Protein backbone atom coordinates (compact mmCIF):
# COMPACT_ATOMS: atom_id res chain seq x y z
CA MET A 1 -10.88 -19.23 -14.92
CA SER A 2 -9.13 -16.95 -11.95
CA GLN A 3 -5.45 -17.63 -11.67
CA TYR A 4 -3.47 -16.55 -8.75
CA LEU A 5 0.12 -16.13 -8.67
CA VAL A 6 1.16 -15.71 -4.79
CA LEU A 7 4.27 -15.34 -3.97
CA SER A 8 4.39 -15.04 0.01
CA LYS A 9 6.87 -14.02 2.70
CA ILE A 10 8.34 -11.77 1.13
CA GLY A 11 11.50 -10.22 2.79
CA VAL A 12 12.34 -6.40 1.99
CA GLN A 13 15.29 -5.16 2.93
CA LYS A 14 15.67 -0.93 2.80
CA ALA A 15 12.51 -0.09 0.85
CA ASN A 16 10.85 3.48 0.48
CA CYS A 17 8.89 3.73 3.54
CA ILE A 18 8.08 7.36 2.10
CA ALA A 19 4.45 7.64 -0.20
CA GLY A 20 3.63 11.52 -1.17
CA PHE A 21 2.69 13.35 1.99
CA THR A 22 2.74 10.35 4.34
CA TRP A 23 5.53 7.73 5.40
CA GLY A 24 5.27 4.39 7.22
CA PHE A 25 4.85 2.28 4.47
CA PRO A 26 5.65 2.19 0.45
CA ALA A 27 2.60 3.33 -2.17
CA ILE A 28 0.52 1.21 -4.03
CA THR A 29 2.26 2.31 -6.96
CA GLN A 30 5.86 0.75 -5.98
CA PHE A 31 3.89 -2.78 -5.70
CA LEU A 32 2.17 -2.17 -9.08
CA GLY A 33 5.62 -1.22 -10.34
CA PHE A 34 7.15 -4.69 -9.20
CA THR A 35 4.35 -7.00 -10.78
CA HIS A 36 4.55 -5.00 -14.28
CA ALA A 37 8.49 -5.34 -14.31
CA LEU A 38 7.83 -9.07 -13.22
CA GLN A 39 5.13 -9.47 -16.25
CA ARG A 40 8.14 -8.09 -18.63
CA LYS A 41 11.08 -10.58 -17.37
CA LEU A 42 8.91 -13.76 -17.94
CA ALA A 43 7.16 -12.15 -21.29
CA ASN A 44 10.41 -13.70 -23.38
CA GLU A 45 9.32 -17.05 -22.33
CA TYR A 46 5.92 -16.95 -21.14
CA ASP A 47 3.06 -16.21 -22.70
CA VAL A 48 1.62 -14.42 -19.25
CA ALA A 49 -0.04 -11.59 -18.12
CA PHE A 50 -0.88 -9.52 -14.50
CA SER A 51 -3.69 -7.23 -14.37
CA GLY A 52 -2.68 -6.46 -10.69
CA CYS A 53 -2.08 -7.49 -6.64
CA ALA A 54 -3.40 -7.82 -3.52
CA VAL A 55 -0.95 -6.23 -1.08
CA ILE A 56 -0.57 -8.44 2.31
CA SER A 57 1.11 -7.16 5.00
CA HIS A 58 3.34 -9.30 8.19
CA ASP A 59 6.14 -7.48 9.78
CA TYR A 60 7.81 -4.01 9.13
CA GLN A 61 10.52 -2.09 10.96
CA LEU A 62 11.50 1.63 10.34
CA HIS A 63 14.18 2.85 10.13
CA VAL A 64 13.25 5.52 12.43
CA TYR A 65 14.25 6.87 16.17
CA LYS A 66 13.44 9.39 19.18
CA PRO A 67 16.14 12.17 19.70
CA LYS A 68 14.02 12.64 23.05
CA PRO A 69 11.37 11.07 24.55
CA GLN A 70 8.23 13.79 23.51
CA ALA A 71 9.83 14.43 20.24
CA ASN A 72 8.49 13.24 16.94
CA PHE A 73 10.15 10.32 15.41
CA GLU A 74 13.30 11.32 12.69
CA PHE A 75 14.57 8.96 9.99
CA ILE A 76 18.25 7.42 10.32
CA GLN A 77 20.55 9.26 7.23
CA SER A 78 23.52 8.05 6.50
CA LYS A 79 26.18 10.21 4.12
CA ASN A 80 26.72 8.59 0.37
CA PRO A 81 29.14 7.68 -0.13
CA ALA A 82 29.92 7.19 3.28
CA VAL A 83 34.06 8.06 2.76
CA LEU A 84 35.19 11.70 2.44
CA ALA A 85 36.22 12.40 -1.83
CA LYS A 86 39.50 12.50 -1.69
CA HIS A 87 40.54 13.47 -4.81
CA LYS A 88 38.09 16.04 -5.47
CA THR A 89 37.57 17.78 -2.06
CA HIS A 90 37.95 17.08 2.04
CA SER A 91 34.19 18.15 3.11
CA SER A 92 32.29 15.56 4.43
CA PRO A 93 29.95 14.36 1.99
CA PRO A 94 26.09 15.02 1.80
CA ILE A 95 23.41 13.50 3.78
CA ILE A 96 20.40 13.45 1.26
CA GLU A 97 16.70 12.56 3.37
CA GLU A 98 15.06 9.74 2.81
CA GLY A 99 13.19 6.78 4.15
CA LYS A 100 13.53 3.32 4.79
CA MET A 101 12.14 0.28 5.89
CA ASN A 102 12.56 -3.56 6.56
CA LEU A 103 9.24 -5.30 5.27
CA ARG A 104 7.72 -8.66 5.31
CA VAL A 105 4.24 -9.11 2.94
CA SER A 106 3.21 -10.94 0.38
CA LEU A 107 1.51 -10.24 -3.01
CA VAL A 108 -1.12 -12.35 -4.11
CA ILE A 109 -1.06 -11.53 -8.45
CA GLU A 110 -3.67 -11.85 -10.62
CA LEU A 111 -3.12 -13.29 -13.95
CA SER A 112 -5.71 -12.09 -16.94
CA LYS A 113 -4.22 -14.37 -19.41
CA GLU A 114 -4.15 -17.88 -17.85
CA LEU A 115 -1.01 -19.95 -17.93
CA LEU A 116 -2.25 -23.82 -19.56
CA ALA A 117 0.30 -26.02 -18.84
CA THR A 118 1.53 -29.52 -17.10
CA SER A 119 2.52 -30.12 -13.52
CA GLU A 120 6.15 -29.94 -14.55
CA LYS A 121 6.06 -27.07 -16.45
CA ILE A 122 4.62 -25.20 -13.51
CA GLU A 123 7.17 -26.41 -11.59
CA ALA A 124 9.44 -25.20 -13.86
CA PHE A 125 7.71 -21.79 -13.46
CA LYS A 126 7.63 -21.44 -10.17
CA GLN A 127 11.19 -21.65 -10.29
CA HIS A 128 11.56 -18.98 -12.82
CA VAL A 129 9.03 -16.30 -11.13
CA LEU A 130 11.33 -17.36 -7.82
CA GLN A 131 14.77 -17.29 -9.42
CA LYS A 132 13.67 -13.47 -11.20
CA CYS A 133 11.99 -11.96 -7.93
CA ILE A 134 15.41 -12.39 -5.99
CA THR A 135 17.25 -10.83 -8.76
CA SER A 136 14.47 -8.16 -8.51
CA ARG A 137 13.84 -4.31 -6.11
CA LEU A 138 10.39 -4.44 -5.06
CA ALA A 139 9.52 -0.66 -3.37
CA GLY A 140 13.73 0.01 -4.12
CA GLY A 141 14.55 -2.47 -1.29
CA SER A 142 16.19 -5.84 -1.90
CA VAL A 143 14.37 -8.73 -1.86
CA LEU A 144 16.04 -11.39 0.66
CA SER A 145 14.18 -14.27 0.75
CA ILE A 146 10.46 -15.97 -0.30
CA GLY A 147 8.54 -17.98 1.80
CA GLN A 148 7.04 -19.82 -1.03
CA VAL A 149 5.54 -19.85 -5.08
CA ASP A 150 1.95 -20.99 -6.14
CA LEU A 151 -0.32 -20.77 -9.17
CA LEU A 152 -4.08 -21.58 -8.02
CA SER A 153 -6.58 -21.67 -10.58
CA ALA A 154 -10.31 -22.00 -10.23
CA SER A 155 -12.67 -22.38 -12.62
CA THR A 156 -16.16 -23.16 -10.44
CA GLN A 157 -17.35 -21.69 -7.34
CA GLU A 158 -16.51 -24.73 -5.16
CA GLN A 159 -13.20 -24.55 -6.86
CA SER A 160 -12.80 -20.28 -5.94
CA ASP A 161 -14.14 -20.84 -2.00
CA ARG A 162 -11.05 -23.73 -2.30
CA LEU A 163 -8.45 -21.39 -3.46
CA ASN A 164 -9.62 -18.34 -1.27
CA ARG A 165 -8.86 -20.49 1.88
CA ARG A 166 -5.66 -21.26 0.21
CA ILE A 167 -4.78 -18.00 -0.21
CA LYS A 168 -5.80 -17.05 3.69
CA HIS A 169 -3.55 -20.14 4.71
CA LEU A 170 -0.86 -19.11 3.16
CA THR A 171 -0.44 -15.72 4.03
CA MET A 172 -1.56 -15.35 7.83
CA PRO A 173 -1.34 -14.35 9.83
CA GLY A 174 -1.28 -10.18 7.74
CA PHE A 175 -2.81 -7.28 7.06
CA ILE A 176 -4.39 -6.79 3.36
CA LEU A 177 -5.32 -2.94 2.37
CA GLN A 178 -8.36 -2.24 0.77
CA ASP A 179 -9.72 1.23 -0.60
CA ARG A 180 -11.50 2.78 2.04
CA SER A 181 -12.13 5.58 -0.89
CA ASP A 182 -15.81 5.78 -0.23
CA TYR A 183 -15.18 6.76 3.43
CA LEU A 184 -13.29 9.92 2.30
CA LYS A 185 -16.06 10.62 -0.35
CA GLN A 186 -18.82 9.96 2.48
CA HIS A 187 -17.10 12.74 4.71
CA PHE A 188 -16.22 15.01 2.03
CA GLU A 189 -20.17 15.54 1.19
CA GLN A 190 -20.77 15.18 5.14
CA LEU A 191 -18.59 18.54 5.33
CA GLN A 192 -19.83 20.46 2.28
CA THR A 193 -23.40 20.89 3.44
CA GLU A 194 -21.85 21.90 6.87
CA ASN A 195 -19.24 24.19 4.75
CA SER A 196 -19.34 24.80 1.18
CA ASP A 197 -15.92 26.15 1.29
CA ALA A 198 -14.72 22.88 2.93
CA GLU A 199 -12.28 21.44 0.04
CA LEU A 200 -11.71 17.89 0.03
CA LEU A 201 -8.21 18.04 1.61
CA ASP A 202 -10.12 18.80 4.51
CA ALA A 203 -11.73 15.92 4.45
CA TRP A 204 -8.20 13.71 3.96
CA LEU A 205 -7.01 15.25 7.17
CA ASP A 206 -10.02 14.00 9.04
CA PHE A 207 -8.41 10.83 8.83
CA SER A 208 -5.34 11.38 8.98
CA ALA A 209 -4.27 13.70 11.34
CA LEU A 210 -4.48 12.99 15.71
CA LYS A 211 -7.06 15.81 16.89
CA TYR A 212 -7.28 16.46 20.67
CA ARG A 213 -10.13 19.13 22.10
CA ALA A 214 -10.38 20.53 25.67
CA VAL A 215 -13.97 19.68 27.33
CA PRO A 216 -14.14 22.40 30.21
CA LYS A 217 -14.77 21.38 33.66
CA LEU A 218 -18.11 23.85 34.30
CA LYS A 219 -18.85 25.21 38.07
CA ASP A 220 -22.59 25.42 39.67
CA ASP A 221 -22.10 28.67 38.88
CA GLU A 222 -20.98 29.17 35.43
CA GLU A 223 -22.91 28.32 32.04
CA LYS A 224 -19.90 29.07 29.60
CA PRO A 225 -16.71 28.71 29.83
CA THR A 226 -14.12 31.44 29.95
CA GLU A 227 -10.78 31.69 29.80
CA GLN A 228 -9.45 30.70 33.99
CA THR A 229 -12.21 27.47 33.54
CA ALA A 230 -10.31 24.79 34.14
CA ALA A 231 -10.29 21.90 31.43
CA ASP A 232 -9.54 18.14 29.89
CA TRP A 233 -8.16 17.18 26.97
CA GLU A 234 -9.61 14.24 24.74
CA GLN A 235 -8.87 12.76 21.94
CA VAL A 236 -11.51 13.27 19.10
CA PRO A 237 -12.97 9.69 17.83
CA LYS A 238 -12.60 8.84 14.14
CA LEU A 239 -14.76 8.99 11.88
CA PHE A 240 -15.23 5.53 11.11
CA LYS A 241 -14.48 1.73 12.46
CA GLY A 242 -11.41 0.35 11.23
CA TRP A 243 -7.51 0.55 10.88
CA LEU A 244 -7.72 3.53 8.31
CA VAL A 245 -4.41 5.36 7.55
CA PRO A 246 -3.97 7.54 4.32
CA ILE A 247 -2.36 5.84 1.66
CA MET A 248 -1.15 7.08 -2.23
CA THR A 249 -2.43 5.89 -4.86
CA GLY A 250 -1.25 7.10 -7.74
CA TYR A 251 -0.23 10.00 -9.66
CA LYS A 252 -2.25 13.48 -12.13
CA ALA A 253 -0.53 14.85 -14.55
CA ILE A 254 0.45 18.41 -14.60
CA SER A 255 2.05 19.87 -17.26
CA GLU A 256 1.46 18.41 -21.09
CA GLN A 257 4.05 15.50 -22.17
CA TYR A 258 6.99 15.85 -23.78
CA SER A 259 8.35 14.01 -25.96
CA THR A 260 11.60 12.07 -26.70
CA GLY A 261 15.12 13.95 -25.83
CA GLU A 262 12.92 16.86 -24.63
CA ILE A 263 14.08 16.37 -20.92
CA SER A 264 17.50 16.08 -20.32
CA ASP A 265 19.31 13.08 -17.60
CA LEU A 266 15.88 11.30 -17.62
CA ARG A 267 16.13 7.70 -15.47
CA VAL A 268 15.62 5.16 -18.20
CA SER A 269 15.42 1.03 -17.72
CA ASP A 270 16.23 -0.03 -21.26
CA ALA A 271 15.98 0.80 -24.69
CA ASP A 272 12.33 0.58 -24.79
CA ASP A 273 11.88 3.43 -22.43
CA SER A 274 13.90 5.45 -24.74
CA VAL A 275 11.30 5.91 -27.20
CA MET A 276 8.67 6.82 -24.83
CA GLY A 277 7.35 10.48 -23.69
CA CYS A 278 7.29 12.09 -20.24
CA CYS A 279 5.39 14.87 -18.45
CA PHE A 280 5.58 16.42 -14.57
CA VAL A 281 3.51 14.67 -11.99
CA GLU A 282 1.94 15.41 -8.79
CA ALA A 283 1.31 12.14 -6.45
CA VAL A 284 -2.82 11.20 -5.11
CA HIS A 285 -3.90 10.34 -2.04
CA SER A 286 -6.48 8.35 -0.47
CA ILE A 287 -7.49 6.24 2.25
CA GLY A 288 -7.37 2.59 3.06
CA GLU A 289 -8.04 0.20 5.16
CA TRP A 290 -5.38 -3.18 6.81
CA LYS A 291 -7.93 -5.65 7.27
CA GLY A 292 -7.58 -9.29 8.24
CA VAL A 293 -6.83 -11.52 5.55
CA HIS A 294 -9.36 -13.79 7.96
CA ARG A 295 -11.51 -11.37 7.08
CA VAL A 296 -11.23 -11.52 3.52
CA LYS A 297 -14.28 -14.06 1.27
CA ASP A 298 -13.16 -12.72 -2.12
CA ILE A 299 -9.23 -11.69 -3.02
CA GLY A 300 -10.62 -11.18 -6.73
CA ASP A 301 -12.03 -7.46 -4.57
CA MET A 302 -9.07 -6.56 -3.18
CA ILE A 303 -6.64 -6.50 -6.15
CA TRP A 304 -5.17 -3.38 -6.66
CA LYS A 305 -5.43 -2.30 -10.38
CA GLN A 306 -3.83 0.43 -12.60
CA HIS A 307 -6.28 2.79 -14.38
CA TYR A 308 -6.09 5.24 -16.88
CA GLU A 309 -8.21 8.24 -17.17
CA ASN A 310 -7.32 11.40 -18.88
CA ASP A 311 -4.73 13.41 -16.98
CA TRP A 312 -4.36 10.64 -14.32
CA TYR A 313 -3.06 7.27 -13.03
CA LEU A 314 -4.45 5.75 -10.57
CA CYS A 315 -4.43 2.73 -8.77
CA THR A 316 -8.31 0.97 -8.31
CA GLN A 317 -8.98 -2.37 -6.47
CA LYS A 318 -12.63 -3.92 -8.72
CA ILE A 319 -15.17 -2.44 -7.01
CA GLU A 320 -16.05 -0.20 -3.98
CA PRO A 321 -16.43 -1.57 -1.09
CA ALA A 322 -20.05 -1.46 0.80
CA LEU A 323 -19.60 0.64 4.37
CA GLU A 324 -18.49 -0.95 7.37
CA GLU A 325 -21.29 -2.92 8.37
CA GLN A 326 -22.32 -3.21 12.18
CA VAL A 327 -20.72 -6.11 13.75
CA ASN A 328 -23.27 -8.58 16.01
CA LEU A 329 -20.70 -9.91 18.36
CA GLU A 330 -22.94 -12.86 19.29
CA ASN A 331 -22.30 -14.29 15.66
CA GLN A 332 -18.50 -13.72 16.32
CA PRO A 333 -16.63 -17.45 16.78
CA GLN A 334 -15.58 -17.02 20.39
CA THR A 335 -12.46 -19.67 20.10
CA PHE A 336 -9.61 -19.83 18.57
CA GLU A 337 -10.77 -23.12 17.12
CA ASP A 338 -13.92 -21.71 15.92
CA ALA A 339 -12.05 -19.11 14.00
CA ILE A 340 -9.93 -21.77 12.24
CA ALA A 341 -13.12 -23.50 11.65
CA ASN A 342 -14.57 -20.97 9.84
CA LEU A 343 -11.45 -20.52 7.58
């Protein structure tokens, strides 16, 4: 039996929008951290376990501005504390650079240990989840509202189909984040055939950077361009189809693990964390794709889960998605009513 906890249309204020080298949306680790924290809060009263979650984005607002029309975006900053420290110094408080955003997302949390209860107890469970979520932090931001909390179950193929349709109705309109590390792997292998010195970072930058190239405007008597040859600039097309974005998907340990007490001034959330070791890490990056929720066939393929291997802590999905198939426009719904009917 498969069971999912659906948190629809979560409104979050001042969430962290910086993830490693990237900015614009929280890292997957932040959503899996929220899922793990929610499980720990429920563990005292309910015997449930969460294995991961899918992330659906509905709306967002970045706290950025442009000082000039042609300038890059800059984060809107504040001084903390905003008042002068009267008893210590009369200097202005410093600005610590932070990237913040408001967003509205839905989370589909997969239960690895199903909750078996009566209808009354399930309703009490959903209310308890709602109370715990409202008082929690999501990606460092404050949870302002949650549209709906649902617990959906399926044990047959017919029920699974209904479950997927129900999740689509709860989370539309929106875009779900899918792992596209297979695209990165394929492009890296192609680069190595052309240049044996190519690195994985080169392949990743080809996805994340906007590139332009000059197209020479050769005259009739010119065979090769010169310094005086005029040119038109055009944007280099993307490598694959889809709304592909660079994302942060985990951490890599860069030091040995230190025992409790060896590293001072560590933040701990409770007594249990005080007995855990720690180590220094660096962010791990990959490629993701924002895909319309209506295109998802099985929500189980979109669940991000924690994966540990040696010094790696990664967020992965169930299976490697197939390469983008060719779209046959003749088989696509031509009207809005046809698209709704196919859900």
